[in-house]
Amino acid sequence: MALSLDQRLPSNGDLYHISELYEELYSAKQCDFSITSYFTKMQGIWEEIDNFSPIPMCITCTSKCICGLEEMRWYRNEDYIARFLRGLNDQFAIAKTQIMLLKSLPDMDTVFAMLTQ
């Protein structure tokens, strides 16, 4: 049974909360946090965004995504990585530049591991 458009859209209260989450995401800085604490804080924001504004799972694509939802997930993950790196303190400037210059960004766990080595 397909959901109507009204059933798929978040409520106005949720939209306000989602906009707050994105504002928090885009303004987050490491500051006095350890890199682990900053990463944990960011994970909390990402999880809330994903809970309140999920990218739906495709039910029509089989082995290869043709609907674009997988690409949307990839772009969201790339945005999360960029936001995380931009908020890091200057001591990580060289490492974050090297990561951002990679031809293909690794997943978030790999990025975090690269920074904590």
PDB file of N, CA and C in Angstrom:
ATOM      1  N   MET A   1       0.836  -1.179   0.000  1.00  0.00           N
ATOM      2  CA  MET A   1       0.000   0.000   0.000  1.00  0.00           C
ATOM      3  C   MET A   1       0.879   1.240   0.000  1.00  0.00           C
ATOM      4  N   ALA A   2       0.737   2.094  -0.951  1.00  0.00           N
ATOM      5  CA  ALA A   2       1.549   3.299  -1.069  1.00  0.00           C
ATOM      6  C   ALA A   2       1.021   4.380  -0.138  1.00  0.00           C
ATOM      7  N   LEU A   3       1.952   5.157   0.436  1.00  0.00           N
ATOM      8  CA  LEU A   3       1.579   6.263   1.303  1.00  0.00           C
ATOM      9  C   LEU A   3       1.284   7.496   0.459  1.00  0.00           C
ATOM     10  N   SER A   4       0.313   8.282   0.916  1.00  0.00           N
ATOM     11  CA  SER A   4       0.042   9.537   0.234  1.00  0.00           C
ATOM     12  C   SER A   4       1.180  10.510   0.531  1.00  0.00           C
ATOM     13  N   LEU A   5       1.267  11.571  -0.247  1.00  0.00           N
ATOM     14  CA  LEU A   5       2.318  12.570  -0.056  1.00  0.00           C
ATOM     15  C   LEU A   5       2.255  13.160   1.351  1.00  0.00           C
ATOM     16  N   ASP A   6       1.039  13.433   1.856  1.00  0.00           N
ATOM     17  CA  ASP A   6       0.903  13.990   3.201  1.00  0.00           C
ATOM     18  C   ASP A   6       1.424  13.048   4.270  1.00  0.00           C
ATOM     19  N   GLN A   7       1.301  11.749   4.063  1.00  0.00           N
ATOM     20  CA  GLN A   7       1.789  10.772   5.036  1.00  0.00           C
ATOM     21  C   GLN A   7       3.310  10.644   5.002  1.00  0.00           C
ATOM     22  N   ARG A   8       3.949  10.997   3.880  1.00  0.00           N
ATOM     23  CA  ARG A   8       5.397  10.886   3.757  1.00  0.00           C
ATOM     24  C   ARG A   8       6.130  12.125   4.235  1.00  0.00           C
ATOM     25  N   LEU A   9       5.470  13.288   4.203  1.00  0.00           N
ATOM     26  CA  LEU A   9       6.128  14.531   4.589  1.00  0.00           C
ATOM     27  C   LEU A   9       6.144  14.677   6.103  1.00  0.00           C
ATOM     28  N   PRO A  10       7.242  15.233   6.648  1.00  0.00           N
ATOM     29  CA  PRO A  10       7.270  15.460   8.091  1.00  0.00           C
ATOM     30  C   PRO A  10       6.290  16.554   8.481  1.00  0.00           C
ATOM     31  N   SER A  11       5.845  16.539   9.732  1.00  0.00           N
ATOM     32  CA  SER A  11       4.949  17.582  10.213  1.00  0.00           C
ATOM     33  C   SER A  11       5.720  18.895  10.309  1.00  0.00           C
ATOM     34  N   ASN A  12       4.993  19.998  10.468  1.00  0.00           N
ATOM     35  CA  ASN A  12       5.647  21.304  10.571  1.00  0.00           C
ATOM     36  C   ASN A  12       6.605  21.359  11.756  1.00  0.00           C
ATOM     37  N   GLY A  13       6.248  20.737  12.879  1.00  0.00           N
ATOM     38  CA  GLY A  13       7.149  20.685  14.030  1.00  0.00           C
ATOM     39  C   GLY A  13       8.423  19.940  13.693  1.00  0.00           C
ATOM     40  N   ASP A  14       8.286  18.865  12.944  1.00  0.00           N
ATOM     41  CA  ASP A  14       9.456  18.108  12.521  1.00  0.00           C
ATOM     42  C   ASP A  14      10.318  18.924  11.558  1.00  0.00           C
ATOM     43  N   LEU A  15       9.680  19.665  10.655  1.00  0.00           N
ATOM     44  CA  LEU A  15      10.433  20.503   9.718  1.00  0.00           C
ATOM     45  C   LEU A  15      11.253  21.544  10.467  1.00  0.00           C
ATOM     46  N   TYR A  16      10.675  22.126  11.494  1.00  0.00           N
ATOM     47  CA  TYR A  16      11.394  23.108  12.299  1.00  0.00           C
ATOM     48  C   TYR A  16      12.584  22.433  12.988  1.00  0.00           C
ATOM     49  N   HIS A  17      12.355  21.253  13.554  1.00  0.00           N
ATOM     50  CA  HIS A  17      13.432  20.517  14.230  1.00  0.00           C
ATOM     51  C   HIS A  17      14.521  20.115  13.237  1.00  0.00           C
ATOM     52  N   ILE A  18      14.134  19.687  12.053  1.00  0.00           N
ATOM     53  CA  ILE A  18      15.104  19.315  11.019  1.00  0.00           C
ATOM     54  C   ILE A  18      15.959  20.529  10.650  1.00  0.00           C
ATOM     55  N   SER A  19      15.339  21.686  10.505  1.00  0.00           N
ATOM     56  CA  SER A  19      16.109  22.889  10.166  1.00  0.00           C
ATOM     57  C   SER A  19      17.067  23.254  11.295  1.00  0.00           C
ATOM     58  N   GLU A  20      16.646  23.049  12.545  1.00  0.00           N
ATOM     59  CA  GLU A  20      17.554  23.277  13.681  1.00  0.00           C
ATOM     60  C   GLU A  20      18.738  22.318  13.639  1.00  0.00           C
ATOM     61  N   LEU A  21      18.466  21.069  13.299  1.00  0.00           N
ATOM     62  CA  LEU A  21      19.537  20.082  13.214  1.00  0.00           C
ATOM     63  C   LEU A  21      20.552  20.453  12.138  1.00  0.00           C
ATOM     64  N   TYR A  22      20.060  20.882  10.985  1.00  0.00           N
ATOM     65  CA  TYR A  22      20.975  21.291   9.918  1.00  0.00           C
ATOM     66  C   TYR A  22      21.766  22.534  10.317  1.00  0.00           C
ATOM     67  N   GLU A  23      21.131  23.450  11.021  1.00  0.00           N
ATOM     68  CA  GLU A  23      21.847  24.629  11.498  1.00  0.00           C
ATOM     69  C   GLU A  23      22.959  24.210  12.461  1.00  0.00           C
ATOM     70  N   GLU A  24      22.632  23.290  13.359  1.00  0.00           N
ATOM     71  CA  GLU A  24      23.637  22.782  14.297  1.00  0.00           C
ATOM     72  C   GLU A  24      24.761  22.060  13.551  1.00  0.00           C
ATOM     73  N   LEU A  25      24.401  21.273  12.543  1.00  0.00           N
ATOM     74  CA  LEU A  25      25.390  20.545  11.753  1.00  0.00           C
ATOM     75  C   LEU A  25      26.349  21.503  11.053  1.00  0.00           C
ATOM     76  N   TYR A  26      25.805  22.534  10.421  1.00  0.00           N
ATOM     77  CA  TYR A  26      26.624  23.446   9.632  1.00  0.00           C
ATOM     78  C   TYR A  26      27.424  24.431  10.480  1.00  0.00           C
ATOM     79  N   SER A  27      27.059  24.592  11.751  1.00  0.00           N
ATOM     80  CA  SER A  27      27.806  25.516  12.600  1.00  0.00           C
ATOM     81  C   SER A  27      28.710  24.789  13.603  1.00  0.00           C
ATOM     82  N   ALA A  28      28.701  23.473  13.603  1.00  0.00           N
ATOM     83  CA  ALA A  28      29.468  22.705  14.587  1.00  0.00           C
ATOM     84  C   ALA A  28      30.974  22.899  14.408  1.00  0.00           C
ATOM     85  N   LYS A  29      31.647  23.060  15.516  1.00  0.00           N
ATOM     86  CA  LYS A  29      33.104  23.196  15.552  1.00  0.00           C
ATOM     87  C   LYS A  29      33.644  22.315  16.669  1.00  0.00           C
ATOM     88  N   GLN A  30      34.863  21.851  16.471  1.00  0.00           N
ATOM     89  CA  GLN A  30      35.492  20.992  17.468  1.00  0.00           C
ATOM     90  C   GLN A  30      35.778  21.760  18.762  1.00  0.00           C
ATOM     91  N   CYS A  31      36.307  22.967  18.654  1.00  0.00           N
ATOM     92  CA  CYS A  31      36.660  23.819  19.799  1.00  0.00           C
ATOM     93  C   CYS A  31      37.496  23.047  20.818  1.00  0.00           C
ATOM     94  N   ASP A  32      37.005  22.959  22.054  1.00  0.00           N
ATOM     95  CA  ASP A  32      37.757  22.300  23.117  1.00  0.00           C
ATOM     96  C   ASP A  32      37.473  20.803  23.231  1.00  0.00           C
ATOM     97  N   PHE A  33      36.619  20.283  22.369  1.00  0.00           N
ATOM     98  CA  PHE A  33      36.314  18.853  22.393  1.00  0.00           C
ATOM     99  C   PHE A  33      37.515  18.052  21.888  1.00  0.00           C
ATOM    100  N   SER A  34      37.683  16.853  22.414  1.00  0.00           N
ATOM    101  CA  SER A  34      38.627  15.919  21.795  1.00  0.00           C
ATOM    102  C   SER A  34      38.020  15.516  20.456  1.00  0.00           C
ATOM    103  N   ILE A  35      38.834  14.957  19.589  1.00  0.00           N
ATOM    104  CA  ILE A  35      38.289  14.551  18.286  1.00  0.00           C
ATOM    105  C   ILE A  35      37.221  13.470  18.476  1.00  0.00           C
ATOM    106  N   THR A  36      37.398  12.600  19.458  1.00  0.00           N
ATOM    107  CA  THR A  36      36.414  11.548  19.718  1.00  0.00           C
ATOM    108  C   THR A  36      35.094  12.144  20.203  1.00  0.00           C
ATOM    109  N   SER A  37      35.166  13.114  21.102  1.00  0.00           N
ATOM    110  CA  SER A  37      33.944  13.757  21.601  1.00  0.00           C
ATOM    111  C   SER A  37      33.235  14.532  20.492  1.00  0.00           C
ATOM    112  N   TYR A  38      34.008  15.218  19.668  1.00  0.00           N
ATOM    113  CA  TYR A  38      33.436  15.965  18.542  1.00  0.00           C
ATOM    114  C   TYR A  38      32.765  14.999  17.566  1.00  0.00           C
ATOM    115  N   PHE A  39      33.432  13.885  17.261  1.00  0.00           N
ATOM    116  CA  PHE A  39      32.869  12.872  16.364  1.00  0.00           C
ATOM    117  C   PHE A  39      31.567  12.321  16.938  1.00  0.00           C
ATOM    118  N   THR A  40      31.544  12.037  18.228  1.00  0.00           N
ATOM    119  CA  THR A  40      30.345  11.508  18.887  1.00  0.00           C
ATOM    120  C   THR A  40      29.207  12.520  18.822  1.00  0.00           C
ATOM    121  N   LYS A  41      29.528  13.799  19.040  1.00  0.00           N
ATOM    122  CA  LYS A  41      28.517  14.857  18.940  1.00  0.00           C
ATOM    123  C   LYS A  41      27.940  14.900  17.527  1.00  0.00           C
ATOM    124  N   MET A  42      28.807  14.842  16.533  1.00  0.00           N
ATOM    125  CA  MET A  42      28.354  14.885  15.151  1.00  0.00           C
ATOM    126  C   MET A  42      27.512  13.657  14.801  1.00  0.00           C
ATOM    127  N   GLN A  43      27.921  12.500  15.287  1.00  0.00           N
ATOM    128  CA  GLN A  43      27.135  11.280  15.040  1.00  0.00           C
ATOM    129  C   GLN A  43      25.711  11.442  15.544  1.00  0.00           C
ATOM    130  N   GLY A  44      25.566  12.056  16.710  1.00  0.00           N
ATOM    131  CA  GLY A  44      24.229  12.294  17.261  1.00  0.00           C
ATOM    132  C   GLY A  44      23.387  13.164  16.347  1.00  0.00           C
ATOM    133  N   ILE A  45      23.994  14.209  15.793  1.00  0.00           N
ATOM    134  CA  ILE A  45      23.273  15.086  14.866  1.00  0.00           C
ATOM    135  C   ILE A  45      22.897  14.316  13.608  1.00  0.00           C
ATOM    136  N   TRP A  46      23.850  13.560  13.043  1.00  0.00           N
ATOM    137  CA  TRP A  46      23.575  12.787  11.821  1.00  0.00           C
ATOM    138  C   TRP A  46      22.441  11.800  12.045  1.00  0.00           C
ATOM    139  N   GLU A  47      22.468  11.108  13.191  1.00  0.00           N
ATOM    140  CA  GLU A  47      21.421  10.123  13.479  1.00  0.00           C
ATOM    141  C   GLU A  47      20.052  10.790  13.585  1.00  0.00           C
ATOM    142  N   GLU A  48      20.009  11.959  14.235  1.00  0.00           N
ATOM    143  CA  GLU A  48      18.728  12.659  14.344  1.00  0.00           C
ATOM    144  C   GLU A  48      18.224  13.103  12.978  1.00  0.00           C
ATOM    145  N   ILE A  49      19.124  13.622  12.148  1.00  0.00           N
ATOM    146  CA  ILE A  49      18.718  14.020  10.792  1.00  0.00           C
ATOM    147  C   ILE A  49      18.183  12.809  10.046  1.00  0.00           C
ATOM    148  N   ASP A  50      18.902  11.692  10.130  1.00  0.00           N
ATOM    149  CA  ASP A  50      18.474  10.483   9.430  1.00  0.00           C
ATOM    150  C   ASP A  50      17.149   9.945   9.971  1.00  0.00           C
ATOM    151  N   ASN A  51      16.876  10.154  11.261  1.00  0.00           N
ATOM    152  CA  ASN A  51      15.608   9.708  11.845  1.00  0.00           C
ATOM    153  C   ASN A  51      14.452  10.617  11.449  1.00  0.00           C
ATOM    154  N   PHE A  52      14.675  11.927  11.452  1.00  0.00           N
ATOM    155  CA  PHE A  52      13.606  12.870  11.154  1.00  0.00           C
ATOM    156  C   PHE A  52      13.433  13.123   9.661  1.00  0.00           C
ATOM    157  N   SER A  53      14.482  12.885   8.888  1.00  0.00           N
ATOM    158  CA  SER A  53      14.429  13.126   7.450  1.00  0.00           C
ATOM    159  C   SER A  53      15.124  11.983   6.708  1.00  0.00           C
ATOM    160  N   PRO A  54      14.572  10.779   6.828  1.00  0.00           N
ATOM    161  CA  PRO A  54      15.250   9.624   6.224  1.00  0.00           C
ATOM    162  C   PRO A  54      15.153   9.631   4.702  1.00  0.00           C
ATOM    163  N   ILE A  55      16.177   9.067   4.099  1.00  0.00           N
ATOM    164  CA  ILE A  55      16.118   8.799   2.666  1.00  0.00           C
ATOM    165  C   ILE A  55      15.503   7.404   2.557  1.00  0.00           C
ATOM    166  N   PRO A  56      14.357   7.283   1.915  1.00  0.00           N
ATOM    167  CA  PRO A  56      13.669   5.990   1.905  1.00  0.00           C
ATOM    168  C   PRO A  56      14.469   4.895   1.210  1.00  0.00           C
ATOM    169  N   MET A  57      14.189   3.684   1.606  1.00  0.00           N
ATOM    170  CA  MET A  57      14.800   2.528   0.954  1.00  0.00           C
ATOM    171  C   MET A  57      14.007   2.254  -0.320  1.00  0.00           C
ATOM    172  N   CYS A  58      14.730   1.911  -1.344  1.00  0.00           N
ATOM    173  CA  CYS A  58      14.090   1.613  -2.621  1.00  0.00           C
ATOM    174  C   CYS A  58      13.518   0.193  -2.581  1.00  0.00           C
ATOM    175  N   ILE A  59      12.329   0.047  -3.110  1.00  0.00           N
ATOM    176  CA  ILE A  59      11.726  -1.288  -3.173  1.00  0.00           C
ATOM    177  C   ILE A  59      11.614  -1.785  -4.602  1.00  0.00           C
ATOM    178  N   THR A  60      12.065  -0.965  -5.563  1.00  0.00           N
ATOM    179  CA  THR A  60      11.949  -1.380  -6.957  1.00  0.00           C
ATOM    180  C   THR A  60      13.272  -1.791  -7.575  1.00  0.00           C
ATOM    181  N   CYS A  61      14.385  -1.185  -7.147  1.00  0.00           N
ATOM    182  CA  CYS A  61      15.686  -1.530  -7.722  1.00  0.00           C
ATOM    183  C   CYS A  61      16.160  -2.863  -7.148  1.00  0.00           C
ATOM    184  N   THR A  62      16.794  -3.645  -7.977  1.00  0.00           N
ATOM    185  CA  THR A  62      17.284  -4.942  -7.505  1.00  0.00           C
ATOM    186  C   THR A  62      18.788  -4.883  -7.269  1.00  0.00           C
ATOM    187  N   SER A  63      19.581  -5.308  -8.207  1.00  0.00           N
ATOM    188  CA  SER A  63      21.024  -5.376  -7.979  1.00  0.00           C
ATOM    189  C   SER A  63      21.714  -4.029  -8.175  1.00  0.00           C
ATOM    190  N   LYS A  64      21.192  -3.179  -9.027  1.00  0.00           N
ATOM    191  CA  LYS A  64      21.792  -1.866  -9.282  1.00  0.00           C
ATOM    192  C   LYS A  64      20.712  -0.798  -9.154  1.00  0.00           C
ATOM    193  N   CYS A  65      21.030   0.226  -8.344  1.00  0.00           N
ATOM    194  CA  CYS A  65      20.065   1.304  -8.122  1.00  0.00           C
ATOM    195  C   CYS A  65      19.935   2.151  -9.382  1.00  0.00           C
ATOM    196  N   ILE A  66      18.691   2.326  -9.822  1.00  0.00           N
ATOM    197  CA  ILE A  66      18.437   3.196 -10.967  1.00  0.00           C
ATOM    198  C   ILE A  66      17.494   4.346 -10.599  1.00  0.00           C
ATOM    199  N   CYS A  67      17.013   4.355  -9.360  1.00  0.00           N
ATOM    200  CA  CYS A  67      16.033   5.367  -8.957  1.00  0.00           C
ATOM    201  C   CYS A  67      16.685   6.624  -8.380  1.00  0.00           C
ATOM    202  N   GLY A  68      17.945   6.548  -8.019  1.00  0.00           N
ATOM    203  CA  GLY A  68      18.649   7.714  -7.499  1.00  0.00           C
ATOM    204  C   GLY A  68      18.736   7.804  -5.994  1.00  0.00           C
ATOM    205  N   LEU A  69      18.032   6.930  -5.271  1.00  0.00           N
ATOM    206  CA  LEU A  69      18.072   6.997  -3.811  1.00  0.00           C
ATOM    207  C   LEU A  69      19.451   6.653  -3.256  1.00  0.00           C
ATOM    208  N   GLU A  70      20.141   5.712  -3.861  1.00  0.00           N
ATOM    209  CA  GLU A  70      21.486   5.355  -3.411  1.00  0.00           C
ATOM    210  C   GLU A  70      22.431   6.542  -3.601  1.00  0.00           C
ATOM    211  N   GLU A  71      22.268   7.261  -4.697  1.00  0.00           N
ATOM    212  CA  GLU A  71      23.082   8.448  -4.950  1.00  0.00           C
ATOM    213  C   GLU A  71      22.782   9.541  -3.925  1.00  0.00           C
ATOM    214  N   MET A  72      21.519   9.673  -3.543  1.00  0.00           N
ATOM    215  CA  MET A  72      21.153  10.645  -2.508  1.00  0.00           C
ATOM    216  C   MET A  72      21.826  10.297  -1.183  1.00  0.00           C
ATOM    217  N   ARG A  73      21.859   9.004  -0.839  1.00  0.00           N
ATOM    218  CA  ARG A  73      22.536   8.585   0.383  1.00  0.00           C
ATOM    219  C   ARG A  73      24.032   8.914   0.324  1.00  0.00           C
ATOM    220  N   TRP A  74      24.633   8.688  -0.849  1.00  0.00           N
ATOM    221  CA  TRP A  74      26.052   8.961  -1.038  1.00  0.00           C
ATOM    222  C   TRP A  74      26.321  10.461  -0.863  1.00  0.00           C
ATOM    223  N   TYR A  75      25.485  11.312  -1.449  1.00  0.00           N
ATOM    224  CA  TYR A  75      25.661  12.754  -1.311  1.00  0.00           C
ATOM    225  C   TYR A  75      25.486  13.212   0.138  1.00  0.00           C
ATOM    226  N   ARG A  76      24.525  12.641   0.844  1.00  0.00           N
ATOM    227  CA  ARG A  76      24.330  13.001   2.250  1.00  0.00           C
ATOM    228  C   ARG A  76      25.555  12.600   3.055  1.00  0.00           C
ATOM    229  N   ASN A  77      26.074  11.394   2.835  1.00  0.00           N
ATOM    230  CA  ASN A  77      27.265  10.948   3.548  1.00  0.00           C
ATOM    231  C   ASN A  77      28.459  11.857   3.235  1.00  0.00           C
ATOM    232  N   GLU A  78      28.597  12.225   1.971  1.00  0.00           N
ATOM    233  CA  GLU A  78      29.682  13.129   1.568  1.00  0.00           C
ATOM    234  C   GLU A  78      29.543  14.479   2.279  1.00  0.00           C
ATOM    235  N   ASP A  79      28.326  14.968   2.400  1.00  0.00           N
ATOM    236  CA  ASP A  79      28.078  16.224   3.105  1.00  0.00           C
ATOM    237  C   ASP A  79      28.435  16.096   4.582  1.00  0.00           C
ATOM    238  N   TYR A  80      28.065  14.981   5.203  1.00  0.00           N
ATOM    239  CA  TYR A  80      28.405  14.754   6.604  1.00  0.00           C
ATOM    240  C   TYR A  80      29.925  14.771   6.790  1.00  0.00           C
ATOM    241  N   ILE A  81      30.649  14.116   5.898  1.00  0.00           N
ATOM    242  CA  ILE A  81      32.110  14.084   5.993  1.00  0.00           C
ATOM    243  C   ILE A  81      32.675  15.499   5.852  1.00  0.00           C
ATOM    244  N   ALA A  82      32.198  16.248   4.873  1.00  0.00           N
ATOM    245  CA  ALA A  82      32.684  17.609   4.660  1.00  0.00           C
ATOM    246  C   ALA A  82      32.403  18.493   5.872  1.00  0.00           C
ATOM    247  N   ARG A  83      31.212  18.387   6.432  1.00  0.00           N
ATOM    248  CA  ARG A  83      30.858  19.182   7.616  1.00  0.00           C
ATOM    249  C   ARG A  83      31.741  18.807   8.802  1.00  0.00           C
ATOM    250  N   PHE A  84      31.986  17.519   8.985  1.00  0.00           N
ATOM    251  CA  PHE A  84      32.845  17.053  10.076  1.00  0.00           C
ATOM    252  C   PHE A  84      34.255  17.614   9.911  1.00  0.00           C
ATOM    253  N   LEU A  85      34.797  17.501   8.709  1.00  0.00           N
ATOM    254  CA  LEU A  85      36.161  17.974   8.458  1.00  0.00           C
ATOM    255  C   LEU A  85      36.256  19.495   8.604  1.00  0.00           C
ATOM    256  N   ARG A  86      35.266  20.229   8.123  1.00  0.00           N
ATOM    257  CA  ARG A  86      35.306  21.693   8.211  1.00  0.00           C
ATOM    258  C   ARG A  86      35.289  22.183   9.645  1.00  0.00           C
ATOM    259  N   GLY A  87      34.699  21.406  10.543  1.00  0.00           N
ATOM    260  CA  GLY A  87      34.608  21.826  11.937  1.00  0.00           C
ATOM    261  C   GLY A  87      35.821  21.485  12.778  1.00  0.00           C
ATOM    262  N   LEU A  88      36.749  20.739  12.212  1.00  0.00           N
ATOM    263  CA  LEU A  88      37.936  20.347  12.974  1.00  0.00           C
ATOM    264  C   LEU A  88      38.841  21.544  13.252  1.00  0.00           C
ATOM    265  N   ASN A  89      39.568  21.467  14.336  1.00  0.00           N
ATOM    266  CA  ASN A  89      40.533  22.501  14.699  1.00  0.00           C
ATOM    267  C   ASN A  89      41.689  22.538  13.705  1.00  0.00           C
ATOM    268  N   ASP A  90      42.445  23.627  13.752  1.00  0.00           N
ATOM    269  CA  ASP A  90      43.547  23.843  12.822  1.00  0.00           C
ATOM    270  C   ASP A  90      44.640  22.784  12.902  1.00  0.00           C
ATOM    271  N   GLN A  91      44.757  22.099  14.020  1.00  0.00           N
ATOM    272  CA  GLN A  91      45.793  21.062  14.144  1.00  0.00           C
ATOM    273  C   GLN A  91      45.573  19.920  13.149  1.00  0.00           C
ATOM    274  N   PHE A  92      44.373  19.811  12.597  1.00  0.00           N
ATOM    275  CA  PHE A  92      44.051  18.766  11.628  1.00  0.00           C
ATOM    276  C   PHE A  92      44.034  19.300  10.192  1.00  0.00           C
ATOM    277  N   ALA A  93      44.534  20.512   9.983  1.00  0.00           N
ATOM    278  CA  ALA A  93      44.440  21.166   8.678  1.00  0.00           C
ATOM    279  C   ALA A  93      45.046  20.333   7.556  1.00  0.00           C
ATOM    280  N   ILE A  94      46.230  19.802   7.761  1.00  0.00           N
ATOM    281  CA  ILE A  94      46.891  19.030   6.698  1.00  0.00           C
ATOM    282  C   ILE A  94      46.120  17.748   6.420  1.00  0.00           C
ATOM    283  N   ALA A  95      45.750  17.030   7.472  1.00  0.00           N
ATOM    284  CA  ALA A  95      45.034  15.756   7.301  1.00  0.00           C
ATOM    285  C   ALA A  95      43.687  15.966   6.622  1.00  0.00           C
ATOM    286  N   LYS A  96      42.936  16.991   7.042  1.00  0.00           N
ATOM    287  CA  LYS A  96      41.612  17.182   6.436  1.00  0.00           C
ATOM    288  C   LYS A  96      41.734  17.625   4.977  1.00  0.00           C
ATOM    289  N   THR A  97      42.751  18.405   4.658  1.00  0.00           N
ATOM    290  CA  THR A  97      42.971  18.786   3.260  1.00  0.00           C
ATOM    291  C   THR A  97      43.301  17.564   2.413  1.00  0.00           C
ATOM    292  N   GLN A  98      44.152  16.702   2.941  1.00  0.00           N
ATOM    293  CA  GLN A  98      44.510  15.480   2.203  1.00  0.00           C
ATOM    294  C   GLN A  98      43.292  14.600   1.974  1.00  0.00           C
ATOM    295  N   ILE A  99      42.445  14.488   2.968  1.00  0.00           N
ATOM    296  CA  ILE A  99      41.236  13.668   2.836  1.00  0.00           C
ATOM    297  C   ILE A  99      40.295  14.278   1.796  1.00  0.00           C
ATOM    298  N   MET A 100      40.104  15.596   1.863  1.00  0.00           N
ATOM    299  CA  MET A 100      39.192  16.251   0.918  1.00  0.00           C
ATOM    300  C   MET A 100      39.699  16.192  -0.522  1.00  0.00           C
ATOM    301  N   LEU A 101      41.007  16.027  -0.704  1.00  0.00           N
ATOM    302  CA  LEU A 101      41.571  15.960  -2.047  1.00  0.00           C
ATOM    303  C   LEU A 101      41.570  14.547  -2.639  1.00  0.00           C
ATOM    304  N   LEU A 102      41.150  13.562  -1.842  1.00  0.00           N
ATOM    305  CA  LEU A 102      41.072  12.198  -2.369  1.00  0.00           C
ATOM    306  C   LEU A 102      40.072  12.149  -3.515  1.00  0.00           C
ATOM    307  N   LYS A 103      40.370  11.342  -4.500  1.00  0.00           N
ATOM    308  CA  LYS A 103      39.478  11.225  -5.659  1.00  0.00           C
ATOM    309  C   LYS A 103      38.085  10.751  -5.240  1.00  0.00           C
ATOM    310  N   SER A 104      38.048   9.814  -4.337  1.00  0.00           N
ATOM    311  CA  SER A 104      36.786   9.303  -3.808  1.00  0.00           C
ATOM    312  C   SER A 104      36.885   9.304  -2.282  1.00  0.00           C
ATOM    313  N   LEU A 105      35.945   9.966  -1.628  1.00  0.00           N
ATOM    314  CA  LEU A 105      35.981  10.023  -0.171  1.00  0.00           C
ATOM    315  C   LEU A 105      35.697   8.649   0.420  1.00  0.00           C
ATOM    316  N   PRO A 106      36.462   8.269   1.447  1.00  0.00           N
ATOM    317  CA  PRO A 106      36.147   7.013   2.141  1.00  0.00           C
ATOM    318  C   PRO A 106      34.907   7.201   3.016  1.00  0.00           C
ATOM    319  N   ASP A 107      34.450   6.127   3.651  1.00  0.00           N
ATOM    320  CA  ASP A 107      33.302   6.261   4.544  1.00  0.00           C
ATOM    321  C   ASP A 107      33.737   6.991   5.821  1.00  0.00           C
ATOM    322  N   MET A 108      32.767   7.385   6.618  1.00  0.00           N
ATOM    323  CA  MET A 108      33.026   8.197   7.805  1.00  0.00           C
ATOM    324  C   MET A 108      33.932   7.500   8.805  1.00  0.00           C
ATOM    325  N   ASP A 109      33.739   6.211   9.015  1.00  0.00           N
ATOM    326  CA  ASP A 109      34.583   5.486   9.968  1.00  0.00           C
ATOM    327  C   ASP A 109      36.036   5.491   9.528  1.00  0.00           C
ATOM    328  N   THR A 110      36.287   5.367   8.235  1.00  0.00           N
ATOM    329  CA  THR A 110      37.650   5.406   7.707  1.00  0.00           C
ATOM    330  C   THR A 110      38.243   6.801   7.874  1.00  0.00           C
ATOM    331  N   VAL A 111      37.449   7.832   7.621  1.00  0.00           N
ATOM    332  CA  VAL A 111      37.912   9.207   7.815  1.00  0.00           C
ATOM    333  C   VAL A 111      38.312   9.420   9.265  1.00  0.00           C
ATOM    334  N   PHE A 112      37.473   8.989  10.193  1.00  0.00           N
ATOM    335  CA  PHE A 112      37.770   9.136  11.609  1.00  0.00           C
ATOM    336  C   PHE A 112      39.048   8.384  11.971  1.00  0.00           C
ATOM    337  N   ALA A 113      39.208   7.174  11.462  1.00  0.00           N
ATOM    338  CA  ALA A 113      40.425   6.393  11.731  1.00  0.00           C
ATOM    339  C   ALA A 113      41.667   7.089  11.173  1.00  0.00           C
ATOM    340  N   MET A 114      41.549   7.677  10.001  1.00  0.00           N
ATOM    341  CA  MET A 114      42.674   8.386   9.402  1.00  0.00           C
ATOM    342  C   MET A 114      43.094   9.570  10.274  1.00  0.00           C
ATOM    343  N   LEU A 115      42.132  10.255  10.863  1.00  0.00           N
ATOM    344  CA  LEU A 115      42.423  11.431  11.681  1.00  0.00           C
ATOM    345  C   LEU A 115      42.974  11.081  13.053  1.00  0.00           C
ATOM    346  N   THR A 116      42.625   9.920  13.556  1.00  0.00           N
ATOM    347  CA  THR A 116      43.077   9.557  14.913  1.00  0.00           C
ATOM    348  C   THR A 116      44.372   8.779  14.925  1.00  0.00           C
ATOM    349  N   GLN A 117      44.939   8.507  13.752  1.00  0.00           N
ATOM    350  CA  GLN A 117      46.219   7.782  13.711  1.00  0.00           C
ATOM    351  C   GLN A 117      47.334   8.679  14.162  1.00  0.00           C
TER     352      GLN A 117
END
